[in-house]
Amino acid sequence: QVQLVESGGTLVQAGGSLKLTCKMSGRDFTQYMMGWFRQAPGKEREFVAAITYISALTKYGDSVKGRFTISRDNRKRTLYLQMNNLQPTDTAVYYCAAPRQTYGSIHTTAQNYDYWGQGTQVTVSS
């Protein structure tokens, strides 16, 4: 059974930085493309970033390009999201996700992901 656990969310001031962490258990992390999504109250889940299984490729949502960086450490089975220059519009619950397919290409839609963490709250104050 795949389990994804996010951590690192907290309250931060606008312009600040935060690094989120997601750890996978139950599967071989090295075989999976991974993604980050976020969901603000009353809004649909939004694609943030994704990375292929060997970090060869990354992709970002338009609203976070140039500010967020996705990375992974396959030895630690851990996914990261470095968030810089945070703005109040970044306030949301952030989720990491993985598809059931191994060695897949990058996906940017939530429907292509099968496993989700419980989410971690990021709140950016102005």
Foldseek 3Di string as FASTA:
>chain_A
DKAKAKDWADEAAAQAKTKMKIAIPDDQLLFWKKFKWWDDPPDDIFGAKIAFSVRPDMDGDPVQPPFKDWDDDSVRRMIMIIGGRDDQVPWTWMKMFTAPDTRDDDDGDPVRTDDIHPTGTHGYHD
